[in-house]
Amino acid sequence: MDAAREIEEIVDRETRAWNTQDVQLLLSVFHRDMVWPWPRSYTSHDPADWTLVQGRFDAERWGRGWQDLFDSHELVHNRRHIVRIEVSLERDGAFAVVDIDTLWRSRSDGSESHWLGRTCKAYARVGEEWKMTMQTGALRYDDDRGSV
C-alpha cells in the first residue's frame, strides 16, 4: 500500500472510532508524543491564541476523557472529508487536511458541542505504521475556495 493510502486508512480508522465510540480504536492512531493544540474559537487562526487541553498523549488519561464524552453525549452526526494528503519525499512524514462536522448532544441537558471546520493532522512513520503526532483543532476558513 502506498503512503497516501495508509494515511487515508488512518483517517478513516479515526472516523470509525468516533462513529462507533471505540476508545481503544481511537487511541490506536496516536503517537506516544502526540499533542493536540486547540484554538479558542473556530476563527482563532493565530496559534498564539491556542491552548493545550489535554497535554502530551497519555493513553489512560486520554482514554478516560474520551470514554466520559461517549458516556455523557450522543453522537448526532460525524461527517469528515479528506481535502488533501501530503507525504514527505522520504515517506516518513505526512499530513492530512480534513474537514470535519461532528455534532455531540449532552444526554443530561441536551446542549450541543459542534466540532466544525478544517483540521490538519500530522503523522510520522514509526516502524511499520503511521501514528498521529499532532492535530490542530477545527478552524474555519471563509474564502473563495469554498472551504469551511
N, C-alpha and C. Protein backbone atom coordinates (compact mmCIF):
# COMPACT_ATOMS: atom_id res chain seq x y z
N MET A 1 0.86 -1.17 0.00
CA MET A 1 0.00 0.00 0.00
C MET A 1 0.90 1.24 0.00
N ASP A 2 0.56 2.23 -0.82
CA ASP A 2 1.39 3.42 -0.84
C ASP A 2 1.07 4.30 0.38
N ALA A 3 1.97 5.20 0.69
CA ALA A 3 1.87 6.01 1.91
C ALA A 3 0.59 6.83 1.97
N ALA A 4 0.18 7.42 0.87
CA ALA A 4 -1.05 8.24 0.88
C ALA A 4 -2.26 7.37 1.24
N ARG A 5 -2.32 6.17 0.73
CA ARG A 5 -3.42 5.26 1.07
C ARG A 5 -3.36 4.87 2.54
N GLU A 6 -2.16 4.71 3.08
CA GLU A 6 -2.02 4.38 4.50
C GLU A 6 -2.51 5.53 5.37
N ILE A 7 -2.24 6.76 4.96
CA ILE A 7 -2.73 7.92 5.70
C ILE A 7 -4.26 7.98 5.60
N GLU A 8 -4.79 7.74 4.42
CA GLU A 8 -6.25 7.70 4.26
C GLU A 8 -6.85 6.65 5.19
N GLU A 9 -6.22 5.50 5.31
CA GLU A 9 -6.72 4.43 6.19
C GLU A 9 -6.73 4.88 7.65
N ILE A 10 -5.69 5.59 8.09
CA ILE A 10 -5.66 6.00 9.50
C ILE A 10 -6.70 7.08 9.76
N VAL A 11 -6.94 7.98 8.79
CA VAL A 11 -8.02 8.98 8.94
C VAL A 11 -9.36 8.26 9.02
N ASP A 12 -9.57 7.28 8.15
CA ASP A 12 -10.81 6.51 8.16
C ASP A 12 -10.97 5.73 9.46
N ARG A 13 -9.86 5.19 9.99
CA ARG A 13 -9.92 4.45 11.26
C ARG A 13 -10.32 5.38 12.39
N GLU A 14 -9.75 6.58 12.41
CA GLU A 14 -10.13 7.54 13.44
C GLU A 14 -11.62 7.89 13.33
N THR A 15 -12.10 8.11 12.11
CA THR A 15 -13.52 8.41 11.90
C THR A 15 -14.39 7.26 12.40
N ARG A 16 -13.98 6.04 12.08
CA ARG A 16 -14.72 4.85 12.53
C ARG A 16 -14.74 4.79 14.06
N ALA A 17 -13.64 5.15 14.70
CA ALA A 17 -13.57 5.14 16.17
C ALA A 17 -14.57 6.13 16.77
N TRP A 18 -14.64 7.34 16.20
CA TRP A 18 -15.62 8.32 16.69
C TRP A 18 -17.04 7.78 16.46
N ASN A 19 -17.29 7.25 15.25
CA ASN A 19 -18.64 6.78 14.91
C ASN A 19 -19.11 5.65 15.81
N THR A 20 -18.20 4.75 16.17
CA THR A 20 -18.56 3.60 16.99
C THR A 20 -18.27 3.84 18.47
N GLN A 21 -17.69 5.00 18.77
CA GLN A 21 -17.32 5.37 20.14
C GLN A 21 -16.45 4.28 20.76
N ASP A 22 -15.44 3.89 20.00
CA ASP A 22 -14.50 2.84 20.39
C ASP A 22 -13.21 3.50 20.87
N VAL A 23 -13.05 3.61 22.17
CA VAL A 23 -11.90 4.29 22.76
C VAL A 23 -10.59 3.65 22.34
N GLN A 24 -10.51 2.33 22.37
CA GLN A 24 -9.25 1.65 22.04
C GLN A 24 -8.86 1.88 20.58
N LEU A 25 -9.82 1.86 19.69
CA LEU A 25 -9.54 2.12 18.28
C LEU A 25 -9.05 3.55 18.10
N LEU A 26 -9.69 4.49 18.79
CA LEU A 26 -9.26 5.89 18.72
C LEU A 26 -7.84 6.05 19.22
N LEU A 27 -7.53 5.46 20.35
CA LEU A 27 -6.19 5.56 20.92
C LEU A 27 -5.12 4.96 20.01
N SER A 28 -5.51 4.03 19.14
CA SER A 28 -4.54 3.34 18.28
C SER A 28 -3.93 4.25 17.22
N VAL A 29 -4.52 5.41 16.96
CA VAL A 29 -3.98 6.28 15.91
C VAL A 29 -2.92 7.23 16.44
N PHE A 30 -2.82 7.41 17.76
CA PHE A 30 -1.95 8.43 18.33
C PHE A 30 -0.54 7.94 18.63
N HIS A 31 0.43 8.78 18.35
CA HIS A 31 1.81 8.54 18.74
C HIS A 31 1.95 8.87 20.22
N ARG A 32 2.87 8.23 20.88
CA ARG A 32 3.04 8.47 22.33
C ARG A 32 3.45 9.90 22.64
N ASP A 33 3.97 10.63 21.66
CA ASP A 33 4.35 12.03 21.87
C ASP A 33 3.33 13.02 21.28
N MET A 34 2.15 12.53 20.97
CA MET A 34 1.09 13.36 20.38
C MET A 34 0.75 14.55 21.28
N VAL A 35 0.55 15.70 20.66
CA VAL A 35 -0.03 16.86 21.33
C VAL A 35 -1.13 17.40 20.43
N TRP A 36 -2.13 18.04 21.05
CA TRP A 36 -3.32 18.44 20.32
C TRP A 36 -3.70 19.87 20.67
N PRO A 37 -3.06 20.84 20.03
CA PRO A 37 -3.44 22.23 20.30
C PRO A 37 -4.84 22.52 19.78
N TRP A 38 -5.55 23.35 20.50
CA TRP A 38 -6.93 23.64 20.14
C TRP A 38 -7.14 25.15 20.13
N PRO A 39 -7.71 25.69 19.05
CA PRO A 39 -7.98 27.13 19.00
C PRO A 39 -9.10 27.49 19.98
N ARG A 40 -9.04 28.70 20.49
CA ARG A 40 -10.09 29.15 21.42
C ARG A 40 -11.43 29.34 20.71
N SER A 41 -11.39 29.57 19.40
CA SER A 41 -12.61 29.67 18.60
C SER A 41 -12.30 29.16 17.20
N TYR A 42 -13.33 28.99 16.39
CA TYR A 42 -13.15 28.49 15.04
C TYR A 42 -12.41 29.47 14.14
N THR A 43 -12.28 30.72 14.59
CA THR A 43 -11.59 31.73 13.79
C THR A 43 -10.27 32.15 14.42
N SER A 44 -9.79 31.42 15.41
CA SER A 44 -8.51 31.74 16.07
C SER A 44 -7.36 31.17 15.25
N HIS A 45 -7.07 31.81 14.13
CA HIS A 45 -6.04 31.31 13.22
C HIS A 45 -4.63 31.57 13.73
N ASP A 46 -4.48 32.48 14.66
CA ASP A 46 -3.17 32.78 15.24
C ASP A 46 -2.87 31.79 16.36
N PRO A 47 -1.85 30.94 16.20
CA PRO A 47 -1.54 29.95 17.24
C PRO A 47 -1.22 30.56 18.60
N ALA A 48 -0.91 31.84 18.64
CA ALA A 48 -0.66 32.49 19.93
C ALA A 48 -1.91 32.47 20.80
N ASP A 49 -3.06 32.22 20.20
CA ASP A 49 -4.33 32.19 20.92
C ASP A 49 -4.82 30.77 21.20
N TRP A 50 -4.02 29.76 20.89
CA TRP A 50 -4.43 28.36 21.08
C TRP A 50 -4.10 27.88 22.48
N THR A 51 -4.62 26.72 22.82
CA THR A 51 -4.40 26.14 24.13
C THR A 51 -4.16 24.64 23.99
N LEU A 52 -3.58 24.03 25.00
CA LEU A 52 -3.43 22.57 25.06
C LEU A 52 -4.38 22.07 26.13
N VAL A 53 -5.42 21.40 25.72
CA VAL A 53 -6.46 20.95 26.64
C VAL A 53 -6.03 19.71 27.42
N GLN A 54 -5.32 18.79 26.77
CA GLN A 54 -5.01 17.52 27.41
C GLN A 54 -3.52 17.25 27.63
N GLY A 55 -2.64 18.13 27.23
CA GLY A 55 -1.22 17.85 27.38
C GLY A 55 -0.77 16.73 26.46
N ARG A 56 0.44 16.24 26.69
CA ARG A 56 1.01 15.16 25.88
C ARG A 56 0.17 13.89 26.03
N PHE A 57 0.14 13.11 24.98
CA PHE A 57 -0.66 11.88 24.96
C PHE A 57 -0.34 10.98 26.14
N ASP A 58 -1.40 10.54 26.78
CA ASP A 58 -1.34 9.56 27.85
C ASP A 58 -2.57 8.68 27.63
N ALA A 59 -2.35 7.44 27.23
CA ALA A 59 -3.45 6.57 26.83
C ALA A 59 -4.51 6.44 27.92
N GLU A 60 -4.10 6.29 29.16
CA GLU A 60 -5.07 6.14 30.24
C GLU A 60 -5.89 7.42 30.44
N ARG A 61 -5.20 8.54 30.53
CA ARG A 61 -5.89 9.82 30.77
C ARG A 61 -6.78 10.20 29.58
N TRP A 62 -6.21 10.12 28.37
CA TRP A 62 -7.00 10.47 27.18
C TRP A 62 -8.16 9.50 27.01
N GLY A 63 -7.91 8.21 27.25
CA GLY A 63 -8.98 7.21 27.12
C GLY A 63 -10.13 7.48 28.07
N ARG A 64 -9.79 7.85 29.30
CA ARG A 64 -10.83 8.21 30.28
C ARG A 64 -11.64 9.41 29.79
N GLY A 65 -10.95 10.41 29.25
CA GLY A 65 -11.64 11.59 28.75
C GLY A 65 -12.59 11.27 27.61
N TRP A 66 -12.11 10.46 26.66
CA TRP A 66 -12.99 10.10 25.53
C TRP A 66 -14.15 9.23 26.01
N GLN A 67 -13.90 8.31 26.94
CA GLN A 67 -15.00 7.48 27.45
C GLN A 67 -16.03 8.33 28.17
N ASP A 68 -15.58 9.33 28.92
CA ASP A 68 -16.52 10.26 29.58
C ASP A 68 -17.38 10.98 28.54
N LEU A 69 -16.75 11.42 27.45
CA LEU A 69 -17.52 12.07 26.37
C LEU A 69 -18.55 11.11 25.80
N PHE A 70 -18.13 9.88 25.48
CA PHE A 70 -19.03 8.90 24.89
C PHE A 70 -20.18 8.54 25.83
N ASP A 71 -19.90 8.47 27.13
CA ASP A 71 -20.93 8.12 28.10
C ASP A 71 -21.93 9.26 28.33
N SER A 72 -21.46 10.49 28.20
CA SER A 72 -22.30 11.64 28.54
C SER A 72 -22.94 12.32 27.33
N HIS A 73 -22.53 11.94 26.12
CA HIS A 73 -23.04 12.60 24.92
C HIS A 73 -23.46 11.59 23.86
N GLU A 74 -24.46 11.98 23.10
CA GLU A 74 -24.91 11.21 21.95
C GLU A 74 -24.26 11.82 20.71
N LEU A 75 -23.73 10.98 19.83
CA LEU A 75 -23.19 11.46 18.56
C LEU A 75 -24.36 11.65 17.60
N VAL A 76 -24.63 12.89 17.24
CA VAL A 76 -25.72 13.19 16.31
C VAL A 76 -25.28 12.92 14.88
N HIS A 77 -24.13 13.42 14.51
CA HIS A 77 -23.54 13.09 13.21
C HIS A 77 -22.04 13.35 13.24
N ASN A 78 -21.35 12.70 12.32
CA ASN A 78 -19.90 12.83 12.20
C ASN A 78 -19.54 12.73 10.73
N ARG A 79 -19.46 13.88 10.09
CA ARG A 79 -19.12 13.93 8.66
C ARG A 79 -17.69 14.41 8.51
N ARG A 80 -16.90 13.66 7.77
CA ARG A 80 -15.50 14.02 7.57
C ARG A 80 -15.14 13.84 6.11
N HIS A 81 -14.34 14.78 5.61
CA HIS A 81 -13.93 14.75 4.20
C HIS A 81 -12.45 15.08 4.11
N ILE A 82 -11.70 14.17 3.52
CA ILE A 82 -10.27 14.41 3.32
C ILE A 82 -10.12 15.37 2.14
N VAL A 83 -9.49 16.51 2.40
CA VAL A 83 -9.27 17.53 1.38
C VAL A 83 -7.94 17.29 0.66
N ARG A 84 -6.94 16.89 1.43
CA ARG A 84 -5.61 16.74 0.86
C ARG A 84 -4.76 15.85 1.76
N ILE A 85 -3.91 15.06 1.13
CA ILE A 85 -2.89 14.29 1.85
C ILE A 85 -1.55 14.61 1.20
N GLU A 86 -0.59 14.94 2.03
CA GLU A 86 0.78 15.24 1.56
C GLU A 86 1.75 14.32 2.31
N VAL A 87 2.61 13.65 1.56
CA VAL A 87 3.59 12.74 2.13
C VAL A 87 4.97 13.26 1.77
N SER A 88 5.88 13.21 2.75
CA SER A 88 7.25 13.69 2.51
C SER A 88 7.95 12.81 1.47
N LEU A 89 8.95 13.39 0.81
CA LEU A 89 9.74 12.62 -0.16
C LEU A 89 10.36 11.39 0.47
N GLU A 90 10.70 11.50 1.76
CA GLU A 90 11.33 10.39 2.47
C GLU A 90 10.33 9.32 2.90
N ARG A 91 9.05 9.61 2.73
CA ARG A 91 7.97 8.68 3.10
C ARG A 91 7.94 8.37 4.59
N ASP A 92 8.38 9.35 5.41
CA ASP A 92 8.37 9.14 6.86
C ASP A 92 7.57 10.19 7.62
N GLY A 93 7.02 11.14 6.90
CA GLY A 93 6.18 12.18 7.49
C GLY A 93 5.05 12.50 6.54
N ALA A 94 3.93 12.90 7.10
CA ALA A 94 2.77 13.21 6.26
C ALA A 94 1.79 14.09 7.03
N PHE A 95 0.89 14.72 6.28
CA PHE A 95 -0.23 15.38 6.93
C PHE A 95 -1.47 15.19 6.07
N ALA A 96 -2.61 15.25 6.74
CA ALA A 96 -3.90 15.18 6.07
C ALA A 96 -4.72 16.39 6.48
N VAL A 97 -5.30 17.05 5.50
CA VAL A 97 -6.22 18.15 5.76
C VAL A 97 -7.61 17.54 5.69
N VAL A 98 -8.37 17.68 6.78
CA VAL A 98 -9.67 17.02 6.88
C VAL A 98 -10.71 18.01 7.36
N ASP A 99 -11.79 18.16 6.59
CA ASP A 99 -12.93 18.97 7.02
C ASP A 99 -13.82 18.09 7.88
N ILE A 100 -14.16 18.61 9.06
CA ILE A 100 -15.00 17.83 9.98
C ILE A 100 -16.28 18.58 10.32
N ASP A 101 -17.32 17.82 10.54
CA ASP A 101 -18.61 18.34 11.01
C ASP A 101 -19.15 17.27 11.96
N THR A 102 -18.80 17.43 13.23
CA THR A 102 -19.15 16.45 14.25
C THR A 102 -20.01 17.12 15.31
N LEU A 103 -21.19 16.59 15.53
CA LEU A 103 -22.12 17.18 16.48
C LEU A 103 -22.43 16.19 17.60
N TRP A 104 -22.18 16.65 18.84
CA TRP A 104 -22.48 15.88 20.05
C TRP A 104 -23.62 16.55 20.80
N ARG A 105 -24.49 15.76 21.42
CA ARG A 105 -25.58 16.29 22.24
C ARG A 105 -25.49 15.67 23.64
N SER A 106 -25.51 16.54 24.64
CA SER A 106 -25.43 16.09 26.02
C SER A 106 -26.64 15.25 26.37
N ARG A 107 -26.42 14.12 26.99
CA ARG A 107 -27.52 13.25 27.42
C ARG A 107 -28.25 13.85 28.63
N SER A 108 -27.57 14.73 29.37
CA SER A 108 -28.18 15.26 30.59
C SER A 108 -29.03 16.51 30.35
N ASP A 109 -28.55 17.43 29.50
CA ASP A 109 -29.31 18.68 29.34
C ASP A 109 -29.61 19.06 27.90
N GLY A 110 -29.17 18.22 26.95
CA GLY A 110 -29.48 18.48 25.55
C GLY A 110 -28.60 19.53 24.88
N SER A 111 -27.65 20.10 25.61
CA SER A 111 -26.77 21.10 25.00
C SER A 111 -25.91 20.42 23.94
N GLU A 112 -25.45 21.22 22.98
CA GLU A 112 -24.70 20.66 21.86
C GLU A 112 -23.26 21.18 21.83
N SER A 113 -22.38 20.32 21.38
CA SER A 113 -20.99 20.66 21.13
C SER A 113 -20.72 20.33 19.68
N HIS A 114 -20.41 21.36 18.89
CA HIS A 114 -20.26 21.18 17.46
C HIS A 114 -18.81 21.42 17.07
N TRP A 115 -18.17 20.39 16.55
CA TRP A 115 -16.81 20.49 16.03
C TRP A 115 -16.94 20.68 14.53
N LEU A 116 -16.72 21.88 14.05
CA LEU A 116 -16.97 22.19 12.65
C LEU A 116 -15.83 23.03 12.11
N GLY A 117 -15.16 22.52 11.09
CA GLY A 117 -14.08 23.28 10.47
C GLY A 117 -13.06 22.38 9.82
N ARG A 118 -11.90 22.96 9.58
CA ARG A 118 -10.80 22.26 8.91
C ARG A 118 -9.72 21.95 9.93
N THR A 119 -9.22 20.72 9.90
CA THR A 119 -8.13 20.31 10.76
C THR A 119 -6.94 19.91 9.91
N CYS A 120 -5.78 19.92 10.53
CA CYS A 120 -4.57 19.40 9.89
C CYS A 120 -4.00 18.35 10.84
N LYS A 121 -3.90 17.14 10.35
CA LYS A 121 -3.44 16.00 11.14
C LYS A 121 -2.04 15.63 10.65
N ALA A 122 -1.04 15.69 11.53
CA ALA A 122 0.34 15.37 11.17
C ALA A 122 0.68 13.95 11.63
N TYR A 123 1.42 13.23 10.79
CA TYR A 123 1.76 11.84 11.06
C TYR A 123 3.24 11.59 10.87
N ALA A 124 3.76 10.63 11.63
CA ALA A 124 5.13 10.16 11.47
C ALA A 124 5.10 8.66 11.28
N ARG A 125 6.00 8.19 10.45
CA ARG A 125 6.15 6.74 10.24
C ARG A 125 6.94 6.20 11.42
N VAL A 126 6.36 5.25 12.13
CA VAL A 126 7.00 4.65 13.30
C VAL A 126 7.07 3.15 13.03
N GLY A 127 8.26 2.68 12.70
CA GLY A 127 8.39 1.27 12.34
C GLY A 127 7.60 0.99 11.08
N GLU A 128 6.64 0.10 11.19
CA GLU A 128 5.83 -0.29 10.04
C GLU A 128 4.46 0.39 9.98
N GLU A 129 4.23 1.38 10.85
CA GLU A 129 2.91 2.01 10.87
C GLU A 129 3.03 3.52 11.00
N TRP A 130 1.94 4.19 10.73
CA TRP A 130 1.83 5.63 10.87
C TRP A 130 1.15 5.95 12.19
N LYS A 131 1.61 7.00 12.85
CA LYS A 131 0.99 7.47 14.08
C LYS A 131 0.79 8.98 13.99
N MET A 132 -0.34 9.46 14.51
CA MET A 132 -0.60 10.89 14.54
C MET A 132 0.25 11.53 15.62
N THR A 133 1.00 12.56 15.25
CA THR A 133 1.87 13.25 16.20
C THR A 133 1.30 14.59 16.65
N MET A 134 0.40 15.16 15.84
CA MET A 134 -0.18 16.46 16.17
C MET A 134 -1.40 16.68 15.30
N GLN A 135 -2.35 17.41 15.85
CA GLN A 135 -3.51 17.83 15.06
C GLN A 135 -3.93 19.20 15.55
N THR A 136 -4.26 20.06 14.62
CA THR A 136 -4.85 21.33 15.02
C THR A 136 -6.33 21.10 15.29
N GLY A 137 -6.87 21.90 16.18
CA GLY A 137 -8.32 21.88 16.38
C GLY A 137 -8.99 22.45 15.15
N ALA A 138 -10.30 22.31 15.09
CA ALA A 138 -11.05 22.75 13.91
C ALA A 138 -11.02 24.27 13.76
N LEU A 139 -10.70 24.71 12.55
CA LEU A 139 -10.70 26.13 12.20
C LEU A 139 -11.57 26.33 10.97
N ARG A 140 -12.19 27.48 10.88
CA ARG A 140 -12.99 27.82 9.71
C ARG A 140 -12.22 28.80 8.84
N TYR A 141 -12.32 28.56 7.54
CA TYR A 141 -11.68 29.42 6.55
C TYR A 141 -12.76 29.83 5.56
N ASP A 142 -13.11 31.07 5.56
CA ASP A 142 -14.10 31.58 4.61
C ASP A 142 -13.34 32.31 3.51
N ASP A 143 -13.21 31.65 2.37
CA ASP A 143 -12.51 32.27 1.25
C ASP A 143 -13.14 31.83 -0.06
N ASP A 144 -12.54 32.24 -1.13
CA ASP A 144 -13.10 31.96 -2.44
C ASP A 144 -12.92 30.50 -2.89
N ARG A 145 -12.23 29.67 -2.08
CA ARG A 145 -12.07 28.26 -2.43
C ARG A 145 -13.27 27.42 -1.98
N GLY A 146 -14.18 28.03 -1.23
CA GLY A 146 -15.36 27.31 -0.79
C GLY A 146 -15.14 26.41 0.39
N SER A 147 -14.02 26.58 1.10
CA SER A 147 -13.75 25.72 2.25
C SER A 147 -14.60 26.14 3.43
N VAL A 148 -14.61 25.29 4.44
CA VAL A 148 -15.42 25.54 5.62
C VAL A 148 -14.88 26.68 6.44
